[in-house]
Amino acid sequence: MVGTEGGQAPEDFFAGHPEGLACYRAVAEAVAGLGEAGVRVTKSQIAFRRRTGFAFVWRPDQYVRSDVPAVLSIALPYEVASERFKEVAHPAPHVWMHHIELGGAGEVDDEVRGWLREAYTAAG
């Protein structure tokens, strides 16, 4: 994993939200197992990048009333049908953004790791 870019650390982004930080760390561990990726922390999200961004972790309570600790958004070049996705958006011609509500770090399982691997490869 390449170093963190941006104005703050993931621990700052999730300050006061330990369950969200645990979700982020589970995603970061899964991404680290794929190879080199940059991490960029902004006010709204933590992005994992290669040539382009492929995975984003954010706190839904920044935008709406929510008890969900974190959302993982995965950018894939096609739409995946799964009941695990809260929403799938199509923001660009070759990008489908798949949003998964993470209730805990354990939800970053083999299925999610597979989607992260596909997104990582596509972002190459």
C-alpha atoms as a PDB file:
ATOM      1  CA  MET A   1       0.000   0.000   0.000  1.00  0.00           C
ATOM      2  CA  VAL A   2       1.342   3.404  -0.896  1.00  0.00           C
ATOM      3  CA  GLY A   3       1.327   6.086   1.805  1.00  0.00           C
ATOM      4  CA  THR A   4      -1.610   8.214   2.779  1.00  0.00           C
ATOM      5  CA  GLU A   5      -2.166  11.478   0.914  1.00  0.00           C
ATOM      6  CA  GLY A   6      -4.360  14.397   1.893  1.00  0.00           C
ATOM      7  CA  GLY A   7      -4.776  16.546   4.947  1.00  0.00           C
ATOM      8  CA  GLN A   8      -5.675  13.962   7.572  1.00  0.00           C
ATOM      9  CA  ALA A   9      -5.169  10.354   8.582  1.00  0.00           C
ATOM     10  CA  PRO A  10      -7.913   7.705   8.505  1.00  0.00           C
ATOM     11  CA  GLU A  11      -7.909   7.820  12.323  1.00  0.00           C
ATOM     12  CA  ASP A  12      -8.775  11.532  12.117  1.00  0.00           C
ATOM     13  CA  PHE A  13     -11.523  10.890   9.561  1.00  0.00           C
ATOM     14  CA  PHE A  14     -13.137   8.310  11.859  1.00  0.00           C
ATOM     15  CA  ALA A  15     -12.409  10.158  15.137  1.00  0.00           C
ATOM     16  CA  GLY A  16     -15.158   9.250  17.603  1.00  0.00           C
ATOM     17  CA  HIS A  17     -16.386   6.437  15.324  1.00  0.00           C
ATOM     18  CA  PRO A  18     -14.435   3.297  16.290  1.00  0.00           C
ATOM     19  CA  GLU A  19     -16.737   0.899  14.414  1.00  0.00           C
ATOM     20  CA  GLY A  20     -16.271   2.927  11.229  1.00  0.00           C
ATOM     21  CA  LEU A  21     -12.503   2.911  11.723  1.00  0.00           C
ATOM     22  CA  ALA A  22     -12.580  -0.874  12.137  1.00  0.00           C
ATOM     23  CA  CYS A  23     -14.506  -1.155   8.848  1.00  0.00           C
ATOM     24  CA  TYR A  24     -11.959   1.085   7.117  1.00  0.00           C
ATOM     25  CA  ARG A  25      -9.084  -1.021   8.484  1.00  0.00           C
ATOM     26  CA  ALA A  26     -10.709  -4.226   7.188  1.00  0.00           C
ATOM     27  CA  VAL A  27     -11.024  -2.680   3.724  1.00  0.00           C
ATOM     28  CA  ALA A  28      -7.441  -1.351   3.888  1.00  0.00           C
ATOM     29  CA  GLU A  29      -6.171  -4.822   4.822  1.00  0.00           C
ATOM     30  CA  ALA A  30      -8.057  -6.377   1.900  1.00  0.00           C
ATOM     31  CA  VAL A  31      -6.662  -3.768  -0.510  1.00  0.00           C
ATOM     32  CA  ALA A  32      -3.113  -4.192   0.836  1.00  0.00           C
ATOM     33  CA  GLY A  33      -3.322  -7.850  -0.103  1.00  0.00           C
ATOM     34  CA  LEU A  34      -3.946  -6.883  -3.735  1.00  0.00           C
ATOM     35  CA  GLY A  35      -0.805  -4.813  -4.317  1.00  0.00           C
ATOM     36  CA  GLU A  36       0.182  -1.166  -4.338  1.00  0.00           C
ATOM     37  CA  ALA A  37      -2.549   1.421  -4.034  1.00  0.00           C
ATOM     38  CA  GLY A  38      -2.621   5.029  -2.958  1.00  0.00           C
ATOM     39  CA  VAL A  39      -4.821   6.176  -0.097  1.00  0.00           C
ATOM     40  CA  ARG A  40      -6.257   9.680  -0.115  1.00  0.00           C
ATOM     41  CA  VAL A  41      -8.175  11.071   2.857  1.00  0.00           C
ATOM     42  CA  THR A  42     -10.501  13.997   2.208  1.00  0.00           C
ATOM     43  CA  LYS A  43     -13.254  15.614   4.267  1.00  0.00           C
ATOM     44  CA  SER A  44     -15.866  13.341   2.697  1.00  0.00           C
ATOM     45  CA  GLN A  45     -14.172   9.967   2.152  1.00  0.00           C
ATOM     46  CA  ILE A  46     -11.081   7.800   2.093  1.00  0.00           C
ATOM     47  CA  ALA A  47     -10.200   6.771  -1.469  1.00  0.00           C
ATOM     48  CA  PHE A  48      -8.089   3.840  -2.616  1.00  0.00           C
ATOM     49  CA  ARG A  49      -6.475   4.568  -5.986  1.00  0.00           C
ATOM     50  CA  ARG A  50      -4.358   3.131  -8.732  1.00  0.00           C
ATOM     51  CA  ARG A  51      -4.593   4.987 -12.044  1.00  0.00           C
ATOM     52  CA  THR A  52      -8.131   5.855 -10.925  1.00  0.00           C
ATOM     53  CA  GLY A  53     -10.085   5.461  -7.703  1.00  0.00           C
ATOM     54  CA  PHE A  54     -11.584   2.027  -7.221  1.00  0.00           C
ATOM     55  CA  ALA A  55     -12.833   1.894  -3.616  1.00  0.00           C
ATOM     56  CA  PHE A  56     -14.072   4.557  -1.208  1.00  0.00           C
ATOM     57  CA  VAL A  57     -14.962   4.340   2.479  1.00  0.00           C
ATOM     58  CA  TRP A  58     -17.137   7.036   4.028  1.00  0.00           C
ATOM     59  CA  ARG A  59     -19.406   7.795   6.966  1.00  0.00           C
ATOM     60  CA  PRO A  60     -23.065   8.045   5.997  1.00  0.00           C
ATOM     61  CA  ASP A  61     -23.851  10.040   9.160  1.00  0.00           C
ATOM     62  CA  GLN A  62     -22.015  12.974   7.587  1.00  0.00           C
ATOM     63  CA  TYR A  63     -24.894  13.288   5.115  1.00  0.00           C
ATOM     64  CA  VAL A  64     -27.999  11.582   6.497  1.00  0.00           C
ATOM     65  CA  ARG A  65     -29.268  10.255   9.786  1.00  0.00           C
ATOM     66  CA  SER A  66     -27.744   6.779   9.962  1.00  0.00           C
ATOM     67  CA  ASP A  67     -26.523   4.203  12.460  1.00  0.00           C
ATOM     68  CA  VAL A  68     -24.368   2.495   9.809  1.00  0.00           C
ATOM     69  CA  PRO A  69     -20.675   2.856  10.789  1.00  0.00           C
ATOM     70  CA  ALA A  70     -19.338   3.008   7.209  1.00  0.00           C
ATOM     71  CA  VAL A  71     -20.224   2.626   3.563  1.00  0.00           C
ATOM     72  CA  LEU A  72     -17.880   1.016   1.066  1.00  0.00           C
ATOM     73  CA  SER A  73     -18.308   2.193  -2.516  1.00  0.00           C
ATOM     74  CA  ILE A  74     -16.684   0.007  -5.159  1.00  0.00           C
ATOM     75  CA  ALA A  75     -16.187   1.239  -8.750  1.00  0.00           C
ATOM     76  CA  LEU A  76     -16.560  -1.535 -11.319  1.00  0.00           C
ATOM     77  CA  PRO A  77     -16.731  -1.383 -15.137  1.00  0.00           C
ATOM     78  CA  TYR A  78     -20.082  -3.215 -15.098  1.00  0.00           C
ATOM     79  CA  GLU A  79     -23.096  -3.593 -12.843  1.00  0.00           C
ATOM     80  CA  VAL A  80     -23.146  -6.444 -10.331  1.00  0.00           C
ATOM     81  CA  ALA A  81     -26.512  -7.662  -9.093  1.00  0.00           C
ATOM     82  CA  SER A  82     -26.381  -8.476  -5.388  1.00  0.00           C
ATOM     83  CA  GLU A  83     -28.748  -7.851  -2.513  1.00  0.00           C
ATOM     84  CA  ARG A  84     -25.724  -6.737  -0.484  1.00  0.00           C
ATOM     85  CA  PHE A  85     -25.622  -3.443  -2.378  1.00  0.00           C
ATOM     86  CA  LYS A  86     -27.718  -0.686  -0.865  1.00  0.00           C
ATOM     87  CA  GLU A  87     -27.538   1.191  -4.167  1.00  0.00           C
ATOM     88  CA  VAL A  88     -25.814   0.965  -7.546  1.00  0.00           C
ATOM     89  CA  ALA A  89     -25.228   4.200  -9.459  1.00  0.00           C
ATOM     90  CA  HIS A  90     -23.954   4.684 -13.014  1.00  0.00           C
ATOM     91  CA  PRO A  91     -22.090   8.032 -12.834  1.00  0.00           C
ATOM     92  CA  ALA A  92     -19.977   7.610 -15.996  1.00  0.00           C
ATOM     93  CA  PRO A  93     -20.139   5.537 -19.192  1.00  0.00           C
ATOM     94  CA  HIS A  94     -17.811   2.783 -17.923  1.00  0.00           C
ATOM     95  CA  VAL A  95     -18.323   3.092 -14.168  1.00  0.00           C
ATOM     96  CA  TRP A  96     -20.935   1.524 -11.938  1.00  0.00           C
ATOM     97  CA  MET A  97     -20.582   2.553  -8.290  1.00  0.00           C
ATOM     98  CA  HIS A  98     -21.728  -0.171  -5.890  1.00  0.00           C
ATOM     99  CA  HIS A  99     -22.526   0.997  -2.338  1.00  0.00           C
ATOM    100  CA  ILE A 100     -22.389  -1.500   0.547  1.00  0.00           C
ATOM    101  CA  GLU A 101     -23.401  -0.550   4.076  1.00  0.00           C
ATOM    102  CA  LEU A 102     -20.862  -2.046   6.483  1.00  0.00           C
ATOM    103  CA  GLY A 103     -22.268  -2.838   9.894  1.00  0.00           C
ATOM    104  CA  GLY A 104     -18.913  -4.143  11.081  1.00  0.00           C
ATOM    105  CA  ALA A 105     -15.441  -5.146   9.949  1.00  0.00           C
ATOM    106  CA  GLY A 106     -16.513  -8.775   9.552  1.00  0.00           C
ATOM    107  CA  GLU A 107     -18.667  -7.814   6.586  1.00  0.00           C
ATOM    108  CA  VAL A 108     -15.507  -7.359   4.508  1.00  0.00           C
ATOM    109  CA  ASP A 109     -15.611 -11.034   3.583  1.00  0.00           C
ATOM    110  CA  ASP A 110     -14.467 -13.128   0.617  1.00  0.00           C
ATOM    111  CA  GLU A 111     -17.278 -11.838  -1.603  1.00  0.00           C
ATOM    112  CA  VAL A 112     -16.375  -8.195  -0.897  1.00  0.00           C
ATOM    113  CA  ARG A 113     -12.670  -9.000  -1.350  1.00  0.00           C
ATOM    114  CA  GLY A 114     -13.514 -10.450  -4.764  1.00  0.00           C
ATOM    115  CA  TRP A 115     -15.264  -7.252  -5.823  1.00  0.00           C
ATOM    116  CA  LEU A 116     -12.334  -5.207  -4.505  1.00  0.00           C
ATOM    117  CA  ARG A 117      -9.935  -7.368  -6.546  1.00  0.00           C
ATOM    118  CA  GLU A 118     -11.991  -6.789  -9.703  1.00  0.00           C
ATOM    119  CA  ALA A 119     -12.127  -3.035  -9.053  1.00  0.00           C
ATOM    120  CA  TYR A 120      -8.381  -2.930  -8.331  1.00  0.00           C
ATOM    121  CA  THR A 121      -7.626  -4.674 -11.625  1.00  0.00           C
ATOM    122  CA  ALA A 122      -9.965  -2.402 -13.591  1.00  0.00           C
ATOM    123  CA  ALA A 123      -8.342   0.716 -12.062  1.00  0.00           C
ATOM    124  CA  GLY A 124      -4.865  -0.426 -13.202  1.00  0.00           C
END
